[in-house]
Amino acid sequence: MTSPTDWQECRVDLPAAHNWLVLDLRSEDPEPWALTLAEEHLGEEADERWRTAFAEDLLWYWGAAVRQGALCAAVLAPRNDAIVASYTVRELRVPPESLSLAAFRAEAERAEGPYFGGTQGLSEVELPLGPALRVHRQEPTAPEADSGVVVEGVAHYVLSVRHTTALECRLLWTSLGLGEELSKVADELADSLRLA
């Protein structure tokens, strides 16, 4: 494990075996940040169009994390390659009566959309921050279409013993062949999460 990455209110140990790029969610001018990170990741010798496209991908993930109110976010991109996964941690403000694993499980079983629906892929786990519901799902991005991209992900819904809110820790990817490895990474990340 690398040394912890310090974000707004949480710390996560990013696995040393992968190339993680931390998204600067505090940036007020993300375009120059994304271009600089793309150049660092791909190298100055990389084609400018490839660097620009990579920076646009970074901005998309950055924007999604900001819109979700993420506490922290990172993307996984092998050296000199495209983004293969994204990780976010966000706070979930729910009524006190819904702050239980049973309530989260019931909602996950009822809800439609990615990473929800049915009981497959649902399990309860114990993390250093507290008990959590682990949800592992594969969902098509366009369910009505005959073909399309399938997104796989593992989300941990953590009931912190020190806080009155829950945390969602979610790793998403589209390369289904990496599912087994990335599922383990998602568990590792959730297990390393600490709040400041």
N, C-alpha and C. Protein backbone atom coordinates (compact mmCIF):
# COMPACT_ATOMS: atom_id res chain seq x y z
N MET A 1 0.83 -1.18 0.00
CA MET A 1 0.00 0.00 0.00
C MET A 1 0.87 1.25 0.00
N THR A 2 0.42 2.23 -0.70
CA THR A 2 1.12 3.52 -0.67
C THR A 2 0.70 4.24 0.61
N SER A 3 1.36 5.35 0.87
CA SER A 3 0.92 6.14 2.01
C SER A 3 -0.46 6.72 1.71
N PRO A 4 -1.24 6.99 2.74
CA PRO A 4 -2.62 7.42 2.51
C PRO A 4 -2.69 8.69 1.69
N THR A 5 -3.72 8.79 0.89
CA THR A 5 -4.02 10.00 0.15
C THR A 5 -4.94 10.83 1.02
N ASP A 6 -4.61 12.10 1.22
CA ASP A 6 -5.38 12.95 2.12
C ASP A 6 -6.38 13.77 1.32
N TRP A 7 -7.66 13.57 1.57
CA TRP A 7 -8.69 14.33 0.90
C TRP A 7 -9.47 15.13 1.91
N GLN A 8 -10.60 15.72 1.49
CA GLN A 8 -11.36 16.63 2.33
C GLN A 8 -11.59 16.10 3.74
N GLU A 9 -12.33 15.02 3.88
CA GLU A 9 -12.67 14.52 5.20
C GLU A 9 -12.38 13.03 5.34
N CYS A 10 -11.69 12.45 4.37
CA CYS A 10 -11.43 11.03 4.47
C CYS A 10 -10.04 10.69 3.95
N ARG A 11 -9.57 9.55 4.37
CA ARG A 11 -8.27 9.05 3.93
C ARG A 11 -8.47 7.63 3.41
N VAL A 12 -7.90 7.35 2.25
CA VAL A 12 -7.99 6.03 1.65
C VAL A 12 -6.59 5.63 1.21
N ASP A 13 -6.21 4.40 1.50
CA ASP A 13 -4.93 3.88 1.02
C ASP A 13 -5.13 3.35 -0.39
N LEU A 14 -4.48 3.96 -1.36
CA LEU A 14 -4.60 3.51 -2.75
C LEU A 14 -3.58 2.41 -3.00
N PRO A 15 -3.99 1.28 -3.56
CA PRO A 15 -3.06 0.16 -3.77
C PRO A 15 -1.87 0.56 -4.64
N ALA A 16 -0.68 0.18 -4.18
CA ALA A 16 0.54 0.56 -4.89
C ALA A 16 0.66 -0.10 -6.25
N ALA A 17 -0.01 -1.23 -6.43
CA ALA A 17 0.14 -1.98 -7.69
C ALA A 17 -0.57 -1.31 -8.86
N HIS A 18 -1.34 -0.29 -8.61
CA HIS A 18 -2.10 0.36 -9.67
C HIS A 18 -1.71 1.82 -9.78
N ASN A 19 -2.07 2.42 -10.89
CA ASN A 19 -1.79 3.84 -11.09
C ASN A 19 -3.08 4.62 -10.88
N TRP A 20 -3.23 5.18 -9.69
CA TRP A 20 -4.40 5.96 -9.34
C TRP A 20 -4.11 7.44 -9.53
N LEU A 21 -5.06 8.15 -10.08
CA LEU A 21 -4.97 9.59 -10.24
C LEU A 21 -6.04 10.21 -9.36
N VAL A 22 -5.63 11.01 -8.39
CA VAL A 22 -6.55 11.64 -7.46
C VAL A 22 -7.19 12.85 -8.14
N LEU A 23 -8.52 12.94 -8.04
CA LEU A 23 -9.23 14.07 -8.63
C LEU A 23 -9.27 15.21 -7.62
N ASP A 24 -8.82 16.38 -8.03
CA ASP A 24 -8.78 17.54 -7.16
C ASP A 24 -10.17 18.18 -7.12
N LEU A 25 -11.00 17.73 -6.21
CA LEU A 25 -12.38 18.20 -6.14
C LEU A 25 -12.48 19.63 -5.62
N ARG A 26 -11.40 20.17 -5.10
CA ARG A 26 -11.40 21.55 -4.62
C ARG A 26 -11.02 22.55 -5.70
N SER A 27 -10.59 22.05 -6.84
CA SER A 27 -10.13 22.93 -7.91
C SER A 27 -11.26 23.84 -8.39
N GLU A 28 -10.96 25.14 -8.47
CA GLU A 28 -11.94 26.10 -8.99
C GLU A 28 -11.77 26.29 -10.49
N ASP A 29 -10.66 25.79 -11.04
CA ASP A 29 -10.40 25.89 -12.47
C ASP A 29 -9.89 24.53 -12.94
N PRO A 30 -10.81 23.57 -13.14
CA PRO A 30 -10.37 22.18 -13.37
C PRO A 30 -9.73 21.92 -14.73
N GLU A 31 -9.98 22.74 -15.73
CA GLU A 31 -9.42 22.45 -17.06
C GLU A 31 -7.90 22.45 -17.08
N PRO A 32 -7.22 23.49 -16.57
CA PRO A 32 -5.75 23.43 -16.53
C PRO A 32 -5.23 22.27 -15.68
N TRP A 33 -5.92 21.99 -14.57
CA TRP A 33 -5.54 20.86 -13.71
C TRP A 33 -5.60 19.55 -14.50
N ALA A 34 -6.70 19.35 -15.25
CA ALA A 34 -6.88 18.11 -16.01
C ALA A 34 -5.83 17.99 -17.11
N LEU A 35 -5.54 19.08 -17.80
CA LEU A 35 -4.52 19.04 -18.86
C LEU A 35 -3.14 18.72 -18.29
N THR A 36 -2.82 19.30 -17.15
CA THR A 36 -1.52 19.02 -16.51
C THR A 36 -1.44 17.56 -16.09
N LEU A 37 -2.51 17.05 -15.47
CA LEU A 37 -2.52 15.65 -15.03
C LEU A 37 -2.44 14.70 -16.23
N ALA A 38 -3.12 15.04 -17.32
CA ALA A 38 -3.06 14.21 -18.52
C ALA A 38 -1.64 14.16 -19.07
N GLU A 39 -0.96 15.31 -19.08
CA GLU A 39 0.42 15.34 -19.58
C GLU A 39 1.34 14.54 -18.68
N GLU A 40 1.15 14.65 -17.37
CA GLU A 40 1.98 13.88 -16.44
C GLU A 40 1.75 12.38 -16.61
N HIS A 41 0.48 12.00 -16.82
CA HIS A 41 0.14 10.58 -16.93
C HIS A 41 0.62 9.98 -18.26
N LEU A 42 0.40 10.71 -19.34
CA LEU A 42 0.71 10.17 -20.68
C LEU A 42 2.11 10.51 -21.15
N GLY A 43 2.71 11.53 -20.57
CA GLY A 43 4.04 11.95 -20.99
C GLY A 43 3.97 13.00 -22.09
N GLU A 44 4.98 13.83 -22.14
CA GLU A 44 5.01 14.92 -23.12
C GLU A 44 5.08 14.41 -24.55
N GLU A 45 5.60 13.20 -24.73
CA GLU A 45 5.74 12.65 -26.08
C GLU A 45 4.41 12.16 -26.66
N ALA A 46 3.39 12.03 -25.84
CA ALA A 46 2.09 11.55 -26.31
C ALA A 46 1.46 12.58 -27.25
N ASP A 47 0.72 12.08 -28.21
CA ASP A 47 0.02 12.93 -29.17
C ASP A 47 -0.89 13.91 -28.42
N GLU A 48 -0.91 15.16 -28.88
CA GLU A 48 -1.70 16.19 -28.20
C GLU A 48 -3.18 15.85 -28.18
N ARG A 49 -3.68 15.22 -29.25
CA ARG A 49 -5.11 14.85 -29.28
C ARG A 49 -5.43 13.81 -28.20
N TRP A 50 -4.50 12.89 -27.98
CA TRP A 50 -4.68 11.86 -26.95
C TRP A 50 -4.67 12.50 -25.57
N ARG A 51 -3.74 13.46 -25.35
CA ARG A 51 -3.69 14.16 -24.06
C ARG A 51 -4.98 14.95 -23.82
N THR A 52 -5.47 15.61 -24.88
CA THR A 52 -6.70 16.39 -24.75
C THR A 52 -7.89 15.48 -24.46
N ALA A 53 -7.97 14.35 -25.15
CA ALA A 53 -9.07 13.40 -24.91
C ALA A 53 -9.01 12.85 -23.50
N PHE A 54 -7.81 12.54 -23.01
CA PHE A 54 -7.66 12.03 -21.65
C PHE A 54 -8.08 13.09 -20.64
N ALA A 55 -7.68 14.34 -20.89
CA ALA A 55 -8.07 15.44 -20.00
C ALA A 55 -9.59 15.59 -19.98
N GLU A 56 -10.24 15.42 -21.11
CA GLU A 56 -11.71 15.50 -21.16
C GLU A 56 -12.34 14.38 -20.34
N ASP A 57 -11.76 13.18 -20.40
CA ASP A 57 -12.25 12.08 -19.57
C ASP A 57 -12.10 12.42 -18.08
N LEU A 58 -10.93 12.96 -17.71
CA LEU A 58 -10.71 13.36 -16.32
C LEU A 58 -11.76 14.37 -15.87
N LEU A 59 -12.04 15.35 -16.74
CA LEU A 59 -13.04 16.37 -16.41
C LEU A 59 -14.42 15.78 -16.25
N TRP A 60 -14.75 14.75 -17.06
CA TRP A 60 -16.06 14.12 -16.93
C TRP A 60 -16.18 13.46 -15.55
N TYR A 61 -15.16 12.69 -15.16
CA TYR A 61 -15.19 12.03 -13.85
C TYR A 61 -15.16 13.06 -12.72
N TRP A 62 -14.38 14.12 -12.90
CA TRP A 62 -14.32 15.19 -11.90
C TRP A 62 -15.70 15.82 -11.73
N GLY A 63 -16.37 16.14 -12.85
CA GLY A 63 -17.69 16.75 -12.80
C GLY A 63 -18.71 15.86 -12.13
N ALA A 64 -18.66 14.56 -12.45
CA ALA A 64 -19.60 13.61 -11.85
C ALA A 64 -19.38 13.55 -10.34
N ALA A 65 -18.13 13.53 -9.90
CA ALA A 65 -17.84 13.47 -8.46
C ALA A 65 -18.28 14.74 -7.76
N VAL A 66 -18.05 15.88 -8.38
CA VAL A 66 -18.47 17.16 -7.78
C VAL A 66 -19.99 17.23 -7.67
N ARG A 67 -20.70 16.82 -8.74
CA ARG A 67 -22.17 16.84 -8.72
C ARG A 67 -22.73 15.92 -7.63
N GLN A 68 -22.05 14.82 -7.36
CA GLN A 68 -22.49 13.89 -6.32
C GLN A 68 -22.12 14.36 -4.92
N GLY A 69 -21.35 15.44 -4.84
CA GLY A 69 -20.90 15.91 -3.53
C GLY A 69 -19.89 14.98 -2.90
N ALA A 70 -19.05 14.35 -3.72
CA ALA A 70 -18.07 13.38 -3.22
C ALA A 70 -17.09 14.03 -2.25
N LEU A 71 -16.75 13.31 -1.20
CA LEU A 71 -15.70 13.74 -0.28
C LEU A 71 -14.34 13.55 -0.91
N CYS A 72 -14.21 12.48 -1.69
CA CYS A 72 -12.95 12.19 -2.37
C CYS A 72 -13.23 11.33 -3.59
N ALA A 73 -12.32 11.39 -4.54
CA ALA A 73 -12.50 10.62 -5.78
C ALA A 73 -11.15 10.39 -6.44
N ALA A 74 -11.06 9.28 -7.15
CA ALA A 74 -9.85 8.95 -7.90
C ALA A 74 -10.25 8.09 -9.08
N VAL A 75 -9.38 8.05 -10.09
CA VAL A 75 -9.58 7.17 -11.23
C VAL A 75 -8.37 6.26 -11.35
N LEU A 76 -8.61 5.08 -11.86
CA LEU A 76 -7.55 4.10 -12.08
C LEU A 76 -7.22 4.08 -13.56
N ALA A 77 -5.98 4.40 -13.89
CA ALA A 77 -5.54 4.42 -15.28
C ALA A 77 -4.13 3.84 -15.36
N PRO A 78 -3.97 2.67 -15.98
CA PRO A 78 -2.62 2.11 -16.14
C PRO A 78 -1.72 3.13 -16.82
N ARG A 79 -0.47 3.09 -16.50
CA ARG A 79 0.49 4.08 -17.02
C ARG A 79 0.36 4.20 -18.54
N ASN A 80 0.23 5.44 -19.00
CA ASN A 80 0.13 5.76 -20.43
C ASN A 80 -1.10 5.13 -21.09
N ASP A 81 -2.16 4.92 -20.32
CA ASP A 81 -3.35 4.28 -20.88
C ASP A 81 -4.60 5.01 -20.41
N ALA A 82 -5.75 4.54 -20.87
CA ALA A 82 -7.03 5.17 -20.56
C ALA A 82 -7.52 4.81 -19.15
N ILE A 83 -8.54 5.51 -18.71
CA ILE A 83 -9.16 5.26 -17.41
C ILE A 83 -9.96 3.95 -17.47
N VAL A 84 -9.75 3.08 -16.50
CA VAL A 84 -10.47 1.80 -16.48
C VAL A 84 -11.46 1.69 -15.33
N ALA A 85 -11.33 2.55 -14.30
CA ALA A 85 -12.24 2.49 -13.16
C ALA A 85 -12.25 3.83 -12.45
N SER A 86 -13.32 4.07 -11.71
CA SER A 86 -13.42 5.29 -10.90
C SER A 86 -13.87 4.93 -9.49
N TYR A 87 -13.39 5.70 -8.52
CA TYR A 87 -13.73 5.46 -7.12
C TYR A 87 -14.18 6.76 -6.48
N THR A 88 -15.29 6.72 -5.77
CA THR A 88 -15.77 7.89 -5.05
C THR A 88 -16.23 7.49 -3.65
N VAL A 89 -16.10 8.44 -2.75
CA VAL A 89 -16.66 8.31 -1.41
C VAL A 89 -17.53 9.53 -1.20
N ARG A 90 -18.78 9.30 -0.81
CA ARG A 90 -19.67 10.43 -0.53
C ARG A 90 -20.51 10.14 0.70
N GLU A 91 -20.94 11.23 1.32
CA GLU A 91 -21.78 11.13 2.50
C GLU A 91 -23.23 11.02 2.09
N LEU A 92 -23.96 10.15 2.75
CA LEU A 92 -25.40 9.98 2.51
C LEU A 92 -26.16 10.49 3.72
N ARG A 93 -26.93 11.52 3.52
CA ARG A 93 -27.76 12.05 4.61
C ARG A 93 -29.12 11.38 4.53
N VAL A 94 -29.41 10.56 5.50
CA VAL A 94 -30.68 9.83 5.52
C VAL A 94 -31.31 10.01 6.90
N PRO A 95 -32.63 9.87 7.00
CA PRO A 95 -33.29 10.00 8.30
C PRO A 95 -32.72 8.99 9.30
N PRO A 96 -32.69 9.37 10.58
CA PRO A 96 -32.12 8.45 11.61
C PRO A 96 -32.76 7.07 11.60
N GLU A 97 -34.06 7.00 11.30
CA GLU A 97 -34.72 5.69 11.31
C GLU A 97 -34.27 4.80 10.15
N SER A 98 -33.60 5.40 9.15
CA SER A 98 -33.12 4.62 8.01
C SER A 98 -31.64 4.26 8.13
N LEU A 99 -31.02 4.63 9.23
CA LEU A 99 -29.59 4.35 9.42
C LEU A 99 -29.40 2.97 10.04
N SER A 100 -29.72 1.95 9.25
CA SER A 100 -29.49 0.57 9.68
C SER A 100 -29.19 -0.26 8.44
N LEU A 101 -28.48 -1.36 8.63
CA LEU A 101 -28.19 -2.23 7.50
C LEU A 101 -29.47 -2.82 6.93
N ALA A 102 -30.44 -3.10 7.78
CA ALA A 102 -31.72 -3.64 7.30
C ALA A 102 -32.42 -2.65 6.38
N ALA A 103 -32.38 -1.37 6.75
CA ALA A 103 -33.02 -0.34 5.92
C ALA A 103 -32.28 -0.20 4.59
N PHE A 104 -30.95 -0.22 4.63
CA PHE A 104 -30.18 -0.12 3.38
C PHE A 104 -30.43 -1.34 2.50
N ARG A 105 -30.49 -2.52 3.10
CA ARG A 105 -30.74 -3.74 2.33
C ARG A 105 -32.13 -3.67 1.68
N ALA A 106 -33.14 -3.24 2.43
CA ALA A 106 -34.49 -3.14 1.88
C ALA A 106 -34.53 -2.15 0.72
N GLU A 107 -33.83 -1.03 0.86
CA GLU A 107 -33.80 -0.05 -0.23
C GLU A 107 -33.08 -0.60 -1.45
N ALA A 108 -31.97 -1.29 -1.22
CA ALA A 108 -31.21 -1.86 -2.33
C ALA A 108 -32.03 -2.93 -3.06
N GLU A 109 -32.82 -3.67 -2.33
CA GLU A 109 -33.64 -4.71 -2.95
C GLU A 109 -34.82 -4.13 -3.74
N ARG A 110 -35.31 -2.96 -3.32
CA ARG A 110 -36.44 -2.31 -3.99
C ARG A 110 -36.03 -1.46 -5.18
N ALA A 111 -34.88 -0.80 -5.07
CA ALA A 111 -34.50 0.24 -6.03
C ALA A 111 -34.17 -0.33 -7.39
N GLU A 112 -34.37 0.50 -8.41
CA GLU A 112 -34.01 0.14 -9.78
C GLU A 112 -32.77 0.91 -10.18
N GLY A 113 -32.12 0.43 -11.21
CA GLY A 113 -30.95 1.14 -11.73
C GLY A 113 -29.67 0.44 -11.36
N PRO A 114 -28.55 1.03 -11.76
CA PRO A 114 -27.24 0.41 -11.52
C PRO A 114 -27.01 0.10 -10.05
N TYR A 115 -26.49 -1.10 -9.81
CA TYR A 115 -26.04 -1.56 -8.49
C TYR A 115 -27.17 -1.79 -7.51
N PHE A 116 -28.41 -1.89 -8.02
CA PHE A 116 -29.54 -2.15 -7.15
C PHE A 116 -30.45 -3.17 -7.78
N GLY A 117 -31.40 -3.61 -7.00
CA GLY A 117 -32.43 -4.53 -7.50
C GLY A 117 -32.10 -5.97 -7.19
N GLY A 118 -33.02 -6.66 -6.55
CA GLY A 118 -32.81 -8.07 -6.23
C GLY A 118 -31.87 -8.25 -5.06
N THR A 119 -31.61 -9.51 -4.75
CA THR A 119 -30.76 -9.80 -3.58
C THR A 119 -29.39 -10.33 -3.97
N GLN A 120 -29.17 -10.58 -5.26
CA GLN A 120 -27.85 -11.07 -5.68
C GLN A 120 -26.82 -9.98 -5.44
N GLY A 121 -25.68 -10.37 -4.97
CA GLY A 121 -24.59 -9.41 -4.79
C GLY A 121 -24.70 -8.57 -3.55
N LEU A 122 -25.62 -8.88 -2.63
CA LEU A 122 -25.77 -8.14 -1.39
C LEU A 122 -25.19 -8.95 -0.24
N SER A 123 -24.34 -8.31 0.56
CA SER A 123 -23.82 -8.98 1.74
C SER A 123 -23.50 -7.94 2.80
N GLU A 124 -23.49 -8.37 4.04
CA GLU A 124 -23.13 -7.49 5.14
C GLU A 124 -21.70 -7.77 5.55
N VAL A 125 -20.93 -6.70 5.71
CA VAL A 125 -19.51 -6.83 6.07
C VAL A 125 -19.21 -5.88 7.22
N GLU A 126 -18.13 -6.17 7.92
CA GLU A 126 -17.69 -5.30 9.01
C GLU A 126 -16.42 -4.60 8.56
N LEU A 127 -16.42 -3.26 8.59
CA LEU A 127 -15.27 -2.45 8.20
C LEU A 127 -14.77 -1.69 9.42
N PRO A 128 -13.55 -1.19 9.38
CA PRO A 128 -13.03 -0.42 10.54
C PRO A 128 -13.92 0.76 10.93
N LEU A 129 -14.60 1.37 9.95
CA LEU A 129 -15.49 2.48 10.28
C LEU A 129 -16.82 2.03 10.85
N GLY A 130 -17.18 0.77 10.64
CA GLY A 130 -18.46 0.28 11.15
C GLY A 130 -19.04 -0.77 10.22
N PRO A 131 -20.26 -1.23 10.52
CA PRO A 131 -20.91 -2.23 9.66
C PRO A 131 -21.27 -1.62 8.31
N ALA A 132 -21.33 -2.47 7.27
CA ALA A 132 -21.62 -1.97 5.92
C ALA A 132 -22.40 -3.00 5.12
N LEU A 133 -23.18 -2.49 4.19
CA LEU A 133 -23.83 -3.34 3.19
C LEU A 133 -22.97 -3.27 1.94
N ARG A 134 -22.55 -4.43 1.44
CA ARG A 134 -21.74 -4.51 0.22
C ARG A 134 -22.66 -4.91 -0.93
N VAL A 135 -22.64 -4.11 -2.00
CA VAL A 135 -23.48 -4.37 -3.17
C VAL A 135 -22.58 -4.55 -4.38
N HIS A 136 -22.68 -5.71 -5.02
CA HIS A 136 -21.89 -6.00 -6.23
C HIS A 136 -22.86 -6.27 -7.36
N ARG A 137 -22.81 -5.42 -8.40
CA ARG A 137 -23.80 -5.52 -9.48
C ARG A 137 -23.16 -5.30 -10.84
N GLN A 138 -23.81 -5.85 -11.85
CA GLN A 138 -23.54 -5.52 -13.25
C GLN A 138 -24.85 -5.00 -13.83
N GLU A 139 -24.77 -3.86 -14.51
CA GLU A 139 -25.97 -3.27 -15.09
C GLU A 139 -25.66 -2.69 -16.46
N PRO A 140 -26.55 -2.85 -17.44
CA PRO A 140 -26.37 -2.18 -18.73
C PRO A 140 -26.63 -0.69 -18.56
N THR A 141 -25.88 0.14 -19.28
CA THR A 141 -26.10 1.59 -19.19
C THR A 141 -27.36 1.99 -19.94
N ALA A 142 -27.77 1.19 -20.92
CA ALA A 142 -29.01 1.45 -21.66
C ALA A 142 -29.82 0.15 -21.69
N PRO A 143 -30.60 -0.13 -20.64
CA PRO A 143 -31.29 -1.43 -20.53
C PRO A 143 -32.22 -1.74 -21.70
N GLU A 144 -32.79 -0.72 -22.34
CA GLU A 144 -33.74 -0.96 -23.43
C GLU A 144 -33.05 -1.28 -24.75
N ALA A 145 -31.76 -0.98 -24.86
CA ALA A 145 -31.03 -1.19 -26.11
C ALA A 145 -30.64 -2.65 -26.27
N ASP A 146 -30.49 -3.08 -27.54
CA ASP A 146 -30.06 -4.45 -27.82
C ASP A 146 -28.59 -4.67 -27.45
N SER A 147 -27.82 -3.61 -27.52
CA SER A 147 -26.41 -3.70 -27.15
C SER A 147 -26.01 -2.42 -26.45
N GLY A 148 -24.89 -2.45 -25.82
CA GLY A 148 -24.42 -1.26 -25.10
C GLY A 148 -23.38 -1.64 -24.07
N VAL A 149 -22.99 -0.66 -23.31
CA VAL A 149 -21.95 -0.85 -22.32
C VAL A 149 -22.56 -1.39 -21.03
N VAL A 150 -21.88 -2.37 -20.44
CA VAL A 150 -22.27 -2.89 -19.14
C VAL A 150 -21.30 -2.34 -18.11
N VAL A 151 -21.84 -1.77 -17.06
CA VAL A 151 -21.03 -1.24 -15.97
C VAL A 151 -21.09 -2.21 -14.82
N GLU A 152 -19.94 -2.50 -14.26
CA GLU A 152 -19.87 -3.35 -13.07
C GLU A 152 -19.37 -2.49 -11.92
N GLY A 153 -19.78 -2.83 -10.72
CA GLY A 153 -19.31 -2.04 -9.60
C GLY A 153 -19.54 -2.72 -8.27
N VAL A 154 -18.76 -2.25 -7.31
CA VAL A 154 -18.94 -2.66 -5.93
C VAL A 154 -19.09 -1.40 -5.10
N ALA A 155 -20.19 -1.34 -4.36
CA ALA A 155 -20.43 -0.21 -3.47
C ALA A 155 -20.55 -0.73 -2.04
N HIS A 156 -19.96 0.01 -1.12
CA HIS A 156 -20.09 -0.28 0.30
C HIS A 156 -20.87 0.89 0.93
N TYR A 157 -21.96 0.57 1.60
CA TYR A 157 -22.74 1.56 2.33
C TYR A 157 -22.41 1.38 3.81
N VAL A 158 -21.62 2.32 4.33
CA VAL A 158 -21.01 2.16 5.65
C VAL A 158 -21.77 2.97 6.69
N LEU A 159 -22.10 2.33 7.80
CA LEU A 159 -22.70 3.02 8.94
C LEU A 159 -21.59 3.29 9.94
N SER A 160 -21.04 4.49 9.88
CA SER A 160 -19.93 4.83 10.75
C SER A 160 -20.39 4.88 12.20
N VAL A 161 -19.59 4.29 13.08
CA VAL A 161 -19.95 4.26 14.50
C VAL A 161 -19.76 5.64 15.15
N ARG A 162 -19.03 6.54 14.47
CA ARG A 162 -18.76 7.86 15.06
C ARG A 162 -19.59 8.98 14.45
N HIS A 163 -20.36 8.71 13.39
CA HIS A 163 -21.08 9.77 12.71
C HIS A 163 -22.55 9.39 12.54
N THR A 164 -23.36 10.41 12.34
CA THR A 164 -24.80 10.19 12.22
C THR A 164 -25.26 10.09 10.78
N THR A 165 -24.32 9.96 9.87
CA THR A 165 -24.65 9.77 8.46
C THR A 165 -23.97 8.50 7.97
N ALA A 166 -24.35 8.07 6.79
CA ALA A 166 -23.72 6.90 6.17
C ALA A 166 -22.76 7.37 5.08
N LEU A 167 -21.87 6.47 4.69
CA LEU A 167 -20.94 6.75 3.59
C LEU A 167 -21.18 5.74 2.47
N GLU A 168 -21.11 6.22 1.24
CA GLU A 168 -21.12 5.33 0.08
C GLU A 168 -19.72 5.34 -0.51
N CYS A 169 -19.10 4.17 -0.60
CA CYS A 169 -17.77 4.01 -1.19
C CYS A 169 -17.97 3.14 -2.42
N ARG A 170 -17.74 3.71 -3.63
CA ARG A 170 -18.14 2.99 -4.84
C ARG A 170 -17.02 2.96 -5.88
N LEU A 171 -16.71 1.76 -6.34
CA LEU A 171 -15.76 1.55 -7.42
C LEU A 171 -16.54 1.04 -8.63
N LEU A 172 -16.41 1.71 -9.78
CA LEU A 172 -17.12 1.35 -11.01
C LEU A 172 -16.13 1.10 -12.13
N TRP A 173 -16.46 0.13 -13.03
CA TRP A 173 -15.61 -0.14 -14.18
C TRP A 173 -16.46 -0.74 -15.30
N THR A 174 -15.91 -0.71 -16.53
CA THR A 174 -16.62 -1.26 -17.68
C THR A 174 -15.88 -2.43 -18.31
N SER A 175 -14.65 -2.70 -17.89
CA SER A 175 -13.89 -3.84 -18.41
C SER A 175 -14.23 -5.05 -17.56
N LEU A 176 -15.24 -5.82 -18.00
CA LEU A 176 -15.76 -6.90 -17.17
C LEU A 176 -14.74 -7.99 -16.87
N GLY A 177 -13.73 -8.11 -17.72
CA GLY A 177 -12.69 -9.09 -17.47
C GLY A 177 -11.87 -8.78 -16.23
N LEU A 178 -11.95 -7.53 -15.77
CA LEU A 178 -11.20 -7.13 -14.57
C LEU A 178 -12.05 -7.26 -13.31
N GLY A 179 -13.26 -7.80 -13.44
CA GLY A 179 -14.20 -7.82 -12.33
C GLY A 179 -13.69 -8.44 -11.06
N GLU A 180 -13.08 -9.61 -11.16
CA GLU A 180 -12.63 -10.29 -9.95
C GLU A 180 -11.55 -9.48 -9.24
N GLU A 181 -10.58 -8.99 -10.02
CA GLU A 181 -9.49 -8.21 -9.43
C GLU A 181 -10.00 -6.91 -8.83
N LEU A 182 -10.86 -6.20 -9.57
CA LEU A 182 -11.34 -4.91 -9.08
C LEU A 182 -12.32 -5.05 -7.92
N SER A 183 -13.03 -6.15 -7.85
CA SER A 183 -13.88 -6.39 -6.67
C SER A 183 -13.03 -6.47 -5.41
N LYS A 184 -11.88 -7.13 -5.51
CA LYS A 184 -10.97 -7.20 -4.37
C LYS A 184 -10.42 -5.83 -4.02
N VAL A 185 -10.10 -5.04 -5.07
CA VAL A 185 -9.60 -3.68 -4.84
C VAL A 185 -10.66 -2.85 -4.13
N ALA A 186 -11.93 -2.98 -4.54
CA ALA A 186 -13.01 -2.22 -3.90
C ALA A 186 -13.08 -2.55 -2.41
N ASP A 187 -12.95 -3.83 -2.08
CA ASP A 187 -12.98 -4.24 -0.67
C ASP A 187 -11.78 -3.67 0.09
N GLU A 188 -10.63 -3.69 -0.57
CA GLU A 188 -9.41 -3.17 0.04
C GLU A 188 -9.54 -1.67 0.31
N LEU A 189 -10.09 -0.94 -0.66
CA LEU A 189 -10.27 0.50 -0.50
C LEU A 189 -11.24 0.80 0.64
N ALA A 190 -12.37 0.10 0.66
CA ALA A 190 -13.36 0.33 1.73
C ALA A 190 -12.77 0.00 3.09
N ASP A 191 -11.94 -1.03 3.16
CA ASP A 191 -11.34 -1.43 4.42
C ASP A 191 -10.32 -0.41 4.91
N SER A 192 -9.73 0.34 3.98
CA SER A 192 -8.70 1.32 4.37
C SER A 192 -9.27 2.69 4.70
N LEU A 193 -10.55 2.91 4.41
CA LEU A 193 -11.15 4.24 4.58
C LEU A 193 -11.16 4.67 6.05
N ARG A 194 -10.72 5.91 6.27
CA ARG A 194 -10.77 6.52 7.59
C ARG A 194 -11.31 7.93 7.45
N LEU A 195 -12.01 8.40 8.47
CA LEU A 195 -12.49 9.78 8.48
C LEU A 195 -11.59 10.62 9.38
N ALA A 196 -11.37 11.87 8.97
CA ALA A 196 -10.50 12.77 9.75
C ALA A 196 -11.16 13.17 11.05
